[in-house]
PDB file of N, CA and C in Angstrom:
ATOM      1  N   MET A   1       0.778  -1.156  -0.268  1.00  0.00           N
ATOM      2  CA  MET A   1       0.069   0.246  -0.042  1.00  0.00           C
ATOM      3  C   MET A   1       0.783   1.371  -0.345  1.00  0.00           C
ATOM      4  N   PRO A   2       0.415   2.159  -0.939  1.00  0.00           N
ATOM      5  CA  PRO A   2       1.495   3.231  -1.072  1.00  0.00           C
ATOM      6  C   PRO A   2       1.482   4.376   0.546  1.00  0.00           C
ATOM      7  N   ARG A   3       2.093   4.913   0.773  1.00  0.00           N
ATOM      8  CA  ARG A   3       2.074   5.600   1.909  1.00  0.00           C
ATOM      9  C   ARG A   3       1.164   6.740   1.517  1.00  0.00           C
ATOM     10  N   GLU A   4       0.670   7.107   2.658  1.00  0.00           N
ATOM     11  CA  GLU A   4      -0.631   8.060   2.849  1.00  0.00           C
ATOM     12  C   GLU A   4       0.115   9.473   3.040  1.00  0.00           C
ATOM     13  N   THR A   5      -0.209  10.478   2.598  1.00  0.00           N
ATOM     14  CA  THR A   5       0.294  11.977   3.094  1.00  0.00           C
ATOM     15  C   THR A   5      -1.082  12.540   2.955  1.00  0.00           C
ATOM     16  N   ILE A   6      -0.679  13.851   3.739  1.00  0.00           N
ATOM     17  CA  ILE A   6      -2.016  14.735   3.806  1.00  0.00           C
ATOM     18  C   ILE A   6      -2.673  15.218   1.959  1.00  0.00           C
ATOM     19  N   ASP A   7      -1.514  15.271   1.310  1.00  0.00           N
ATOM     20  CA  ASP A   7      -2.060  15.650   0.091  1.00  0.00           C
ATOM     21  C   ASP A   7      -2.999  14.785  -0.403  1.00  0.00           C
ATOM     22  N   SER A   8      -2.759  13.173  -0.463  1.00  0.00           N
ATOM     23  CA  SER A   8      -3.635  12.201  -0.786  1.00  0.00           C
ATOM     24  C   SER A   8      -4.683  11.910   0.345  1.00  0.00           C
ATOM     25  N   VAL A   9      -4.515  12.119   1.364  1.00  0.00           N
ATOM     26  CA  VAL A   9      -5.913  11.850   2.284  1.00  0.00           C
ATOM     27  C   VAL A   9      -6.977  13.446   1.826  1.00  0.00           C
ATOM     28  N   ALA A  10      -6.007  14.509   1.464  1.00  0.00           N
ATOM     29  CA  ALA A  10      -7.397  15.625   1.043  1.00  0.00           C
ATOM     30  C   ALA A  10      -7.739  15.441   0.196  1.00  0.00           C
ATOM     31  N   ARG A  11      -7.078  14.881  -0.894  1.00  0.00           N
ATOM     32  CA  ARG A  11      -7.499  14.443  -2.520  1.00  0.00           C
ATOM     33  C   ARG A  11      -8.698  13.300  -2.243  1.00  0.00           C
ATOM     34  N   THR A  12      -8.547  12.166  -1.312  1.00  0.00           N
ATOM     35  CA  THR A  12      -9.475  11.132  -1.578  1.00  0.00           C
ATOM     36  C   THR A  12     -11.007  11.493  -0.234  1.00  0.00           C
ATOM     37  N   ARG A  13     -10.056  12.693   0.598  1.00  0.00           N
ATOM     38  CA  ARG A  13     -11.132  12.214   1.912  1.00  0.00           C
ATOM     39  C   ARG A  13     -10.796  10.822   2.583  1.00  0.00           C
ATOM     40  N   ALA A  14      -9.991  10.323   2.549  1.00  0.00           N
ATOM     41  CA  ALA A  14     -10.310   9.078   2.914  1.00  0.00           C
ATOM     42  C   ALA A  14      -8.990   8.930   3.846  1.00  0.00           C
ATOM     43  N   ILE A  15      -8.532   7.736   4.756  1.00  0.00           N
ATOM     44  CA  ILE A  15      -7.187   7.934   5.558  1.00  0.00           C
ATOM     45  C   ILE A  15      -7.811   6.197   6.186  1.00  0.00           C
ATOM     46  N   THR A  16      -6.607   5.545   6.119  1.00  0.00           N
ATOM     47  CA  THR A  16      -6.833   4.108   6.660  1.00  0.00           C
ATOM     48  C   THR A  16      -6.815   4.716   8.354  1.00  0.00           C
ATOM     49  N   ALA A  17      -7.148   3.498   9.053  1.00  0.00           N
ATOM     50  CA  ALA A  17      -7.340   3.561  10.450  1.00  0.00           C
ATOM     51  C   ALA A  17      -6.061   2.879  10.667  1.00  0.00           C
ATOM     52  N   ALA A  18      -5.449   2.377  10.415  1.00  0.00           N
ATOM     53  CA  ALA A  18      -3.857   2.063  10.442  1.00  0.00           C
ATOM     54  C   ALA A  18      -3.036   3.657  10.523  1.00  0.00           C
ATOM     55  N   ALA A  19      -3.088   4.407   9.530  1.00  0.00           N
ATOM     56  CA  ALA A  19      -2.469   5.475   9.430  1.00  0.00           C
ATOM     57  C   ALA A  19      -2.687   6.348  10.509  1.00  0.00           C
ATOM     58  N   VAL A  20      -4.099   6.603  10.890  1.00  0.00           N
ATOM     59  CA  VAL A  20      -4.339   7.537  11.876  1.00  0.00           C
ATOM     60  C   VAL A  20      -3.758   6.963  13.416  1.00  0.00           C
ATOM     61  N   LEU A  21      -3.934   5.403  13.488  1.00  0.00           N
ATOM     62  CA  LEU A  21      -3.793   4.994  14.705  1.00  0.00           C
ATOM     63  C   LEU A  21      -2.011   4.871  14.860  1.00  0.00           C
ATOM     64  N   GLN A  22      -1.164   4.959  13.876  1.00  0.00           N
ATOM     65  CA  GLN A  22       0.565   4.974  13.584  1.00  0.00           C
ATOM     66  C   GLN A  22       0.551   6.115  13.677  1.00  0.00           C
ATOM     67  N   GLN A  23      -0.136   7.373  13.252  1.00  0.00           N
ATOM     68  CA  GLN A  23       0.198   8.976  13.130  1.00  0.00           C
ATOM     69  C   GLN A  23       1.128   8.800  12.260  1.00  0.00           C
ATOM     70  N   LEU A  24       0.486   8.329  10.983  1.00  0.00           N
ATOM     71  CA  LEU A  24       1.419   8.860  10.136  1.00  0.00           C
ATOM     72  C   LEU A  24       1.127  10.094   9.305  1.00  0.00           C
ATOM     73  N   VAL A  25       0.217  10.638   9.515  1.00  0.00           N
ATOM     74  CA  VAL A  25      -0.276  11.725   8.455  1.00  0.00           C
ATOM     75  C   VAL A  25      -0.820  12.713  10.122  1.00  0.00           C
ATOM     76  N   ASP A  26      -0.246  13.838   9.610  1.00  0.00           N
ATOM     77  CA  ASP A  26      -0.542  15.185  10.582  1.00  0.00           C
ATOM     78  C   ASP A  26      -2.257  15.517  10.310  1.00  0.00           C
ATOM     79  N   LEU A  27      -3.359  15.413  10.815  1.00  0.00           N
ATOM     80  CA  LEU A  27      -4.487  16.051  10.058  1.00  0.00           C
ATOM     81  C   LEU A  27      -4.870  17.321  10.666  1.00  0.00           C
ATOM     82  N   ARG A  28      -3.998  17.836  11.260  1.00  0.00           N
ATOM     83  CA  ARG A  28      -4.008  19.385  11.771  1.00  0.00           C
ATOM     84  C   ARG A  28      -4.053  20.354  10.051  1.00  0.00           C
ATOM     85  N   ALA A  29      -3.544  19.817   9.594  1.00  0.00           N
ATOM     86  CA  ALA A  29      -3.472  20.426   7.999  1.00  0.00           C
ATOM     87  C   ALA A  29      -4.239  20.028   7.012  1.00  0.00           C
ATOM     88  N   TYR A  30      -5.516  18.863   7.111  1.00  0.00           N
ATOM     89  CA  TYR A  30      -6.546  18.577   6.681  1.00  0.00           C
ATOM     90  C   TYR A  30      -7.412  20.073   6.248  1.00  0.00           C
ATOM     91  N   PRO A  31      -7.664  20.103   4.880  1.00  0.00           N
ATOM     92  CA  PRO A  31      -8.511  21.350   4.331  1.00  0.00           C
ATOM     93  C   PRO A  31     -10.041  21.065   4.796  1.00  0.00           C
ATOM     94  N   HIS A  32     -10.459  19.723   4.627  1.00  0.00           N
ATOM     95  CA  HIS A  32     -12.070  19.633   4.689  1.00  0.00           C
ATOM     96  C   HIS A  32     -12.757  19.164   6.402  1.00  0.00           C
ATOM     97  N   ARG A  33     -13.840  19.543   6.399  1.00  0.00           N
ATOM     98  CA  ARG A  33     -14.127  19.212   7.562  1.00  0.00           C
ATOM     99  C   ARG A  33     -14.888  17.865   7.808  1.00  0.00           C
ATOM    100  N   HIS A  34     -15.067  16.826   6.941  1.00  0.00           N
ATOM    101  CA  HIS A  34     -15.232  15.437   6.615  1.00  0.00           C
ATOM    102  C   HIS A  34     -14.302  14.733   6.238  1.00  0.00           C
ATOM    103  N   LEU A  35     -14.172  13.331   7.403  1.00  0.00           N
ATOM    104  CA  LEU A  35     -13.292  12.533   6.798  1.00  0.00           C
ATOM    105  C   LEU A  35     -13.904  11.371   6.772  1.00  0.00           C
ATOM    106  N   ALA A  36     -13.254  10.088   5.890  1.00  0.00           N
ATOM    107  CA  ALA A  36     -13.776   8.767   6.343  1.00  0.00           C
ATOM    108  C   ALA A  36     -12.647   8.375   6.483  1.00  0.00           C
ATOM    109  N   VAL A  37     -12.728   7.195   7.856  1.00  0.00           N
ATOM    110  CA  VAL A  37     -11.405   6.439   8.242  1.00  0.00           C
ATOM    111  C   VAL A  37     -11.953   5.036   8.129  1.00  0.00           C
ATOM    112  N   ALA A  38     -10.560   4.380   6.853  1.00  0.00           N
ATOM    113  CA  ALA A  38     -11.527   2.933   6.292  1.00  0.00           C
ATOM    114  C   ALA A  38     -10.436   1.831   7.336  1.00  0.00           C
ATOM    115  N   ALA A  39     -11.156   0.768   7.300  1.00  0.00           N
ATOM    116  CA  ALA A  39     -10.748  -0.128   8.144  1.00  0.00           C
ATOM    117  C   ALA A  39     -11.482  -1.635   7.578  1.00  0.00           C
ATOM    118  N   ASN A  40     -10.155  -2.371   7.269  1.00  0.00           N
ATOM    119  CA  ASN A  40     -10.565  -4.121   6.978  1.00  0.00           C
ATOM    120  C   ASN A  40     -11.542  -4.545   7.896  1.00  0.00           C
ATOM    121  N   ALA A  41     -12.675  -4.939   7.256  1.00  0.00           N
ATOM    122  CA  ALA A  41     -13.828  -5.660   7.769  1.00  0.00           C
ATOM    123  C   ALA A  41     -13.216  -7.500   8.090  1.00  0.00           C
ATOM    124  N   LEU A  42     -12.398  -7.549   7.501  1.00  0.00           N
ATOM    125  CA  LEU A  42     -12.536  -9.128   7.741  1.00  0.00           C
ATOM    126  C   LEU A  42     -11.848  -9.501   8.875  1.00  0.00           C
ATOM    127  N   GLY A  43     -12.538 -10.962   9.414  1.00  0.00           N
ATOM    128  CA  GLY A  43     -12.130 -11.366  10.585  1.00  0.00           C
ATOM    129  C   GLY A  43     -12.810 -10.618  12.060  1.00  0.00           C
ATOM    130  N   GLY A  44     -13.556  -9.549  11.781  1.00  0.00           N
ATOM    131  CA  GLY A  44     -14.164  -8.627  12.887  1.00  0.00           C
ATOM    132  C   GLY A  44     -13.412  -7.562  13.445  1.00  0.00           C
ATOM    133  N   ALA A  45     -12.372  -7.780  12.863  1.00  0.00           N
ATOM    134  CA  ALA A  45     -11.005  -6.964  13.618  1.00  0.00           C
ATOM    135  C   ALA A  45     -11.646  -5.269  13.126  1.00  0.00           C
ATOM    136  N   GLY A  46     -12.390  -5.323  11.980  1.00  0.00           N
ATOM    137  CA  GLY A  46     -12.620  -3.936  11.513  1.00  0.00           C
ATOM    138  C   GLY A  46     -13.056  -2.741  12.274  1.00  0.00           C
ATOM    139  N   ILE A  47     -14.235  -3.068  12.918  1.00  0.00           N
ATOM    140  CA  ILE A  47     -15.258  -2.604  14.005  1.00  0.00           C
ATOM    141  C   ILE A  47     -14.305  -1.903  14.566  1.00  0.00           C
ATOM    142  N   SER A  48     -13.772  -2.835  15.584  1.00  0.00           N
ATOM    143  CA  SER A  48     -12.522  -2.512  16.523  1.00  0.00           C
ATOM    144  C   SER A  48     -11.414  -1.265  16.027  1.00  0.00           C
ATOM    145  N   GLN A  49     -10.792  -1.776  14.755  1.00  0.00           N
ATOM    146  CA  GLN A  49      -9.853  -0.601  14.272  1.00  0.00           C
ATOM    147  C   GLN A  49     -10.502   0.810  14.234  1.00  0.00           C
ATOM    148  N   ALA A  50     -11.303   0.667  13.522  1.00  0.00           N
ATOM    149  CA  ALA A  50     -12.382   1.585  12.839  1.00  0.00           C
ATOM    150  C   ALA A  50     -12.804   2.904  14.201  1.00  0.00           C
ATOM    151  N   LEU A  51     -13.196   2.088  15.406  1.00  0.00           N
ATOM    152  CA  LEU A  51     -13.293   2.812  16.636  1.00  0.00           C
ATOM    153  C   LEU A  51     -12.407   3.540  17.266  1.00  0.00           C
ATOM    154  N   ALA A  52     -11.191   2.561  17.119  1.00  0.00           N
ATOM    155  CA  ALA A  52      -9.817   2.960  18.093  1.00  0.00           C
ATOM    156  C   ALA A  52      -9.437   4.779  17.257  1.00  0.00           C
ATOM    157  N   ALA A  53      -9.918   4.228  15.807  1.00  0.00           N
ATOM    158  CA  ALA A  53      -9.268   5.429  14.938  1.00  0.00           C
ATOM    159  C   ALA A  53     -10.254   6.700  15.778  1.00  0.00           C
ATOM    160  N   ALA A  54     -11.351   6.372  15.483  1.00  0.00           N
ATOM    161  CA  ALA A  54     -12.546   7.388  15.907  1.00  0.00           C
ATOM    162  C   ALA A  54     -12.417   8.068  17.451  1.00  0.00           C
ATOM    163  N   ASP A  55     -11.888   6.923  18.086  1.00  0.00           N
ATOM    164  CA  ASP A  55     -11.668   7.217  19.592  1.00  0.00           C
ATOM    165  C   ASP A  55     -10.444   8.249  19.405  1.00  0.00           C
ATOM    166  N   TYR A  56      -9.137   7.646  19.013  1.00  0.00           N
ATOM    167  CA  TYR A  56      -7.758   8.895  18.849  1.00  0.00           C
ATOM    168  C   TYR A  56      -8.526  10.228  18.497  1.00  0.00           C
ATOM    169  N   LEU A  57      -9.352   9.842  17.282  1.00  0.00           N
ATOM    170  CA  LEU A  57      -9.355  11.459  16.483  1.00  0.00           C
ATOM    171  C   LEU A  57     -10.352  12.044  17.129  1.00  0.00           C
ATOM    172  N   SER A  58     -10.967  11.647  18.013  1.00  0.00           N
ATOM    173  CA  SER A  58     -11.959  12.573  19.199  1.00  0.00           C
ATOM    174  C   SER A  58     -11.336  13.562  19.848  1.00  0.00           C
ATOM    175  N   HIS A  59      -9.860  12.908  20.190  1.00  0.00           N
ATOM    176  CA  HIS A  59      -9.190  13.897  21.116  1.00  0.00           C
ATOM    177  C   HIS A  59      -8.401  14.937  19.952  1.00  0.00           C
ATOM    178  N   MET A  60      -8.844  15.073  19.274  1.00  0.00           N
ATOM    179  CA  MET A  60      -8.026  16.117  17.957  1.00  0.00           C
ATOM    180  C   MET A  60      -9.420  16.961  17.586  1.00  0.00           C
ATOM    181  N   GLY A  61     -10.214  17.038  18.148  1.00  0.00           N
ATOM    182  CA  GLY A  61     -11.537  17.979  17.854  1.00  0.00           C
ATOM    183  C   GLY A  61     -12.346  17.367  16.452  1.00  0.00           C
ATOM    184  N   TRP A  62     -12.160  16.180  16.349  1.00  0.00           N
ATOM    185  CA  TRP A  62     -12.829  15.109  15.572  1.00  0.00           C
ATOM    186  C   TRP A  62     -14.396  14.309  16.299  1.00  0.00           C
ATOM    187  N   GLU A  63     -15.130  14.779  15.460  1.00  0.00           N
ATOM    188  CA  GLU A  63     -16.577  13.284  16.393  1.00  0.00           C
ATOM    189  C   GLU A  63     -17.060  12.544  15.156  1.00  0.00           C
ATOM    190  N   LEU A  64     -17.482  10.981  15.704  1.00  0.00           N
ATOM    191  CA  LEU A  64     -17.936  10.317  15.017  1.00  0.00           C
ATOM    192  C   LEU A  64     -19.063  10.560  14.527  1.00  0.00           C
ATOM    193  N   ILE A  65     -19.776  10.522  12.987  1.00  0.00           N
ATOM    194  CA  ILE A  65     -20.907  10.996  12.664  1.00  0.00           C
ATOM    195  C   ILE A  65     -21.580   9.092  12.574  1.00  0.00           C
ATOM    196  N   ASP A  66     -20.691   8.147  11.830  1.00  0.00           N
ATOM    197  CA  ASP A  66     -21.356   6.973  11.426  1.00  0.00           C
ATOM    198  C   ASP A  66     -20.493   6.202  11.423  1.00  0.00           C
ATOM    199  N   VAL A  67     -20.783   4.787  11.185  1.00  0.00           N
ATOM    200  CA  VAL A  67     -19.710   3.597  10.453  1.00  0.00           C
ATOM    201  C   VAL A  67     -20.873   2.610   9.999  1.00  0.00           C
ATOM    202  N   THR A  68     -20.224   2.739   8.701  1.00  0.00           N
ATOM    203  CA  THR A  68     -21.205   1.942   7.521  1.00  0.00           C
ATOM    204  C   THR A  68     -19.861   1.361   6.588  1.00  0.00           C
ATOM    205  N   GLU A  69     -20.789   0.110   6.106  1.00  0.00           N
ATOM    206  CA  GLU A  69     -19.723  -0.761   5.488  1.00  0.00           C
ATOM    207  C   GLU A  69     -20.052  -0.409   4.070  1.00  0.00           C
ATOM    208  N   VAL A  70     -18.872  -0.426   3.070  1.00  0.00           N
ATOM    209  CA  VAL A  70     -18.827   0.266   2.083  1.00  0.00           C
ATOM    210  C   VAL A  70     -18.769  -0.657   0.766  1.00  0.00           C
ATOM    211  N   GLY A  71     -19.844  -0.538  -0.070  1.00  0.00           N
ATOM    212  CA  GLY A  71     -19.823  -1.793  -1.284  1.00  0.00           C
ATOM    213  C   GLY A  71     -19.364  -3.188  -0.798  1.00  0.00           C
ATOM    214  N   SER A  72     -19.137  -4.250  -1.618  1.00  0.00           N
ATOM    215  CA  SER A  72     -18.628  -5.411  -1.456  1.00  0.00           C
ATOM    216  C   SER A  72     -17.479  -5.831  -0.979  1.00  0.00           C
ATOM    217  N   SER A  73     -16.725  -4.688  -0.603  1.00  0.00           N
ATOM    218  CA  SER A  73     -15.197  -4.950  -0.620  1.00  0.00           C
ATOM    219  C   SER A  73     -14.805  -5.155   0.969  1.00  0.00           C
ATOM    220  N   ARG A  74     -15.854  -5.228   1.962  1.00  0.00           N
ATOM    221  CA  ARG A  74     -15.870  -5.517   3.486  1.00  0.00           C
ATOM    222  C   ARG A  74     -14.973  -4.452   4.024  1.00  0.00           C
ATOM    223  N   THR A  75     -15.048  -3.452   3.266  1.00  0.00           N
ATOM    224  CA  THR A  75     -14.477  -2.364   4.449  1.00  0.00           C
ATOM    225  C   THR A  75     -15.307  -1.707   5.226  1.00  0.00           C
ATOM    226  N   LEU A  76     -15.041  -1.264   6.329  1.00  0.00           N
ATOM    227  CA  LEU A  76     -16.036  -0.174   7.127  1.00  0.00           C
ATOM    228  C   LEU A  76     -15.383   1.232   7.154  1.00  0.00           C
ATOM    229  N   HIS A  77     -15.980   2.304   7.291  1.00  0.00           N
ATOM    230  CA  HIS A  77     -15.975   3.653   6.904  1.00  0.00           C
ATOM    231  C   HIS A  77     -16.233   4.446   8.388  1.00  0.00           C
ATOM    232  N   ALA A  78     -15.489   4.755   9.303  1.00  0.00           N
ATOM    233  CA  ALA A  78     -16.156   5.741  10.368  1.00  0.00           C
ATOM    234  C   ALA A  78     -16.210   6.883   9.356  1.00  0.00           C
ATOM    235  N   ILE A  79     -17.374   7.601   9.524  1.00  0.00           N
ATOM    236  CA  ILE A  79     -17.787   9.350   8.913  1.00  0.00           C
ATOM    237  C   ILE A  79     -17.324   9.784  10.418  1.00  0.00           C
ATOM    238  N   MET A  80     -15.976  10.662   9.880  1.00  0.00           N
ATOM    239  CA  MET A  80     -15.571  12.129  10.849  1.00  0.00           C
ATOM    240  C   MET A  80     -15.917  13.222  10.541  1.00  0.00           C
ATOM    241  N   ARG A  81     -16.332  14.069  11.502  1.00  0.00           N
ATOM    242  CA  ARG A  81     -16.566  15.484  11.393  1.00  0.00           C
ATOM    243  C   ARG A  81     -16.048  16.386  12.120  1.00  0.00           C
ATOM    244  N   ARG A  82     -14.872  17.576  11.677  1.00  0.00           N
ATOM    245  CA  ARG A  82     -14.311  18.078  12.356  1.00  0.00           C
ATOM    246  C   ARG A  82     -15.393  19.260  12.924  1.00  0.00           C
ATOM    247  N   ARG A  83     -15.176  19.248  14.157  1.00  0.00           N
ATOM    248  CA  ARG A  83     -15.907  20.236  15.529  1.00  0.00           C
ATOM    249  C   ARG A  83     -15.537  21.413  15.154  1.00  0.00           C
TER     250      ARG A  83
END
């Protein structure tokens, strides 16, 4: 998987939960109000990873709006909004 940058995250408006939890991207420079945090849903760990990323982001001024599974890819997305 290519390394996520603030430019790629801003362009796609999405970031992986792993990148959030490993603090690979400084989201203070993110220019939009909404952000999708993607986590692989296989094996049931996706919801845990998505919510852990949402909890981490809540300390940085983000709030969880919804968690949804997108398409047949078995990817969960935690939809976040900056407060």
